[in-house]
Amino acid sequence: MDSSAVGAAIRQARKAMGLRQDELAAAAGVGLRFLVELERGKPTVQLDRLLAVLAAVGLELSVIPRQTVPGASLRS
């Protein structure tokens, strides 16, 4: 999944809820410009805002390992 897919999922959920972009931005507590750029798939490092928008449309972000890389390990 990339930023374009996340944006498309948010746009689809917003439209299914019958919300305009400004309405969703207000509900999520983010700026309209941020939401517009998010729906367009602009890469962003503002994860807290992304999570707020996802929560406002009833979506959640899951982190799933793609595959194990030979020789790699997780360190704590």
C-alpha atoms as a PDB file:
ATOM      1  CA  MET A   1       0.000   0.000   0.000  1.00  0.00           C
ATOM      2  CA  ASP A   2       1.307   3.439  -0.854  1.00  0.00           C
ATOM      3  CA  SER A   3       0.160   7.010  -0.231  1.00  0.00           C
ATOM      4  CA  SER A   4      -2.067   6.966  -3.327  1.00  0.00           C
ATOM      5  CA  ALA A   5      -3.914   3.875  -2.089  1.00  0.00           C
ATOM      6  CA  VAL A   6      -4.389   5.399   1.369  1.00  0.00           C
ATOM      7  CA  GLY A   7      -5.738   8.593  -0.199  1.00  0.00           C
ATOM      8  CA  ALA A   8      -8.124   6.672  -2.439  1.00  0.00           C
ATOM      9  CA  ALA A   9      -9.446   4.659   0.522  1.00  0.00           C
ATOM     10  CA  ILE A  10     -10.072   7.832   2.511  1.00  0.00           C
ATOM     11  CA  ARG A  11     -11.792   9.541  -0.436  1.00  0.00           C
ATOM     12  CA  GLN A  12     -14.019   6.497  -1.011  1.00  0.00           C
ATOM     13  CA  ALA A  13     -14.975   6.288   2.683  1.00  0.00           C
ATOM     14  CA  ARG A  14     -15.660  10.035   2.839  1.00  0.00           C
ATOM     15  CA  LYS A  15     -17.925   9.927  -0.197  1.00  0.00           C
ATOM     16  CA  ALA A  16     -19.745   6.858   1.144  1.00  0.00           C
ATOM     17  CA  MET A  17     -20.465   8.861   4.298  1.00  0.00           C
ATOM     18  CA  GLY A  18     -21.775  11.756   2.208  1.00  0.00           C
ATOM     19  CA  LEU A  19     -19.192  14.191   3.533  1.00  0.00           C
ATOM     20  CA  ARG A  20     -17.502  17.063   1.733  1.00  0.00           C
ATOM     21  CA  GLN A  21     -13.761  17.464   2.218  1.00  0.00           C
ATOM     22  CA  ASP A  22     -14.222  20.489   4.488  1.00  0.00           C
ATOM     23  CA  GLU A  23     -16.667  18.541   6.662  1.00  0.00           C
ATOM     24  CA  LEU A  24     -14.289  15.612   7.077  1.00  0.00           C
ATOM     25  CA  ALA A  25     -11.364  17.937   7.774  1.00  0.00           C
ATOM     26  CA  ALA A  26     -13.370  19.579  10.570  1.00  0.00           C
ATOM     27  CA  ALA A  27     -14.506  16.216  11.980  1.00  0.00           C
ATOM     28  CA  ALA A  28     -10.918  14.928  12.032  1.00  0.00           C
ATOM     29  CA  GLY A  29      -9.452  18.174  13.376  1.00  0.00           C
ATOM     30  CA  VAL A  30      -7.128  18.681  10.412  1.00  0.00           C
ATOM     31  CA  GLY A  31      -6.824  21.444   7.849  1.00  0.00           C
ATOM     32  CA  LEU A  32      -8.626  21.271   4.527  1.00  0.00           C
ATOM     33  CA  ARG A  33      -5.364  21.570   2.597  1.00  0.00           C
ATOM     34  CA  PHE A  34      -3.935  18.565   4.458  1.00  0.00           C
ATOM     35  CA  LEU A  35      -7.004  16.475   3.632  1.00  0.00           C
ATOM     36  CA  VAL A  36      -6.966  17.479  -0.041  1.00  0.00           C
ATOM     37  CA  GLU A  37      -3.285  16.545  -0.325  1.00  0.00           C
ATOM     38  CA  LEU A  38      -3.877  13.309   1.587  1.00  0.00           C
ATOM     39  CA  GLU A  39      -6.678  12.250  -0.777  1.00  0.00           C
ATOM     40  CA  ARG A  40      -4.442  13.074  -3.750  1.00  0.00           C
ATOM     41  CA  GLY A  41      -1.799  10.703  -2.393  1.00  0.00           C
ATOM     42  CA  LYS A  42       0.853  13.242  -1.473  1.00  0.00           C
ATOM     43  CA  PRO A  43       3.420  11.520   0.732  1.00  0.00           C
ATOM     44  CA  THR A  44       3.465  12.973   4.243  1.00  0.00           C
ATOM     45  CA  VAL A  45       5.196  12.344   7.531  1.00  0.00           C
ATOM     46  CA  GLN A  46       2.300  13.763   9.579  1.00  0.00           C
ATOM     47  CA  LEU A  47       1.173  10.371  10.795  1.00  0.00           C
ATOM     48  CA  ASP A  48      -0.871  11.760  13.687  1.00  0.00           C
ATOM     49  CA  ARG A  49      -3.067  13.703  11.256  1.00  0.00           C
ATOM     50  CA  LEU A  50      -3.421  10.712   8.947  1.00  0.00           C
ATOM     51  CA  LEU A  51      -4.557   8.550  11.862  1.00  0.00           C
ATOM     52  CA  ALA A  52      -7.116  11.199  12.890  1.00  0.00           C
ATOM     53  CA  VAL A  53      -8.613  11.240   9.384  1.00  0.00           C
ATOM     54  CA  LEU A  54      -8.716   7.441   9.219  1.00  0.00           C
ATOM     55  CA  ALA A  55     -10.503   7.316  12.579  1.00  0.00           C
ATOM     56  CA  ALA A  56     -13.021   9.939  11.426  1.00  0.00           C
ATOM     57  CA  VAL A  57     -14.080   7.735   8.483  1.00  0.00           C
ATOM     58  CA  GLY A  58     -13.985   4.478  10.425  1.00  0.00           C
ATOM     59  CA  LEU A  59     -10.773   3.087   8.934  1.00  0.00           C
ATOM     60  CA  GLU A  60      -7.640   1.897  10.669  1.00  0.00           C
ATOM     61  CA  LEU A  61      -4.061   1.475   9.578  1.00  0.00           C
ATOM     62  CA  SER A  62      -2.494  -1.971   9.907  1.00  0.00           C
ATOM     63  CA  VAL A  63       1.209  -2.687   9.746  1.00  0.00           C
ATOM     64  CA  ILE A  64       1.824  -6.133   8.287  1.00  0.00           C
ATOM     65  CA  PRO A  65       5.270  -7.519   7.521  1.00  0.00           C
ATOM     66  CA  ARG A  66       5.703  -8.121   3.785  1.00  0.00           C
ATOM     67  CA  GLN A  67       8.183 -10.947   4.177  1.00  0.00           C
ATOM     68  CA  THR A  68      11.184 -11.931   6.208  1.00  0.00           C
ATOM     69  CA  VAL A  69      14.409 -10.613   4.771  1.00  0.00           C
ATOM     70  CA  PRO A  70      17.201 -13.235   4.942  1.00  0.00           C
ATOM     71  CA  GLY A  71      19.811 -12.244   7.510  1.00  0.00           C
ATOM     72  CA  ALA A  72      17.707  -9.438   8.966  1.00  0.00           C
ATOM     73  CA  SER A  73      16.482  -9.372  12.517  1.00  0.00           C
ATOM     74  CA  LEU A  74      14.485  -7.015  14.679  1.00  0.00           C
ATOM     75  CA  ARG A  75      16.444  -5.473  17.514  1.00  0.00           C
ATOM     76  CA  SER A  76      14.990  -3.970  20.667  1.00  0.00           C
END
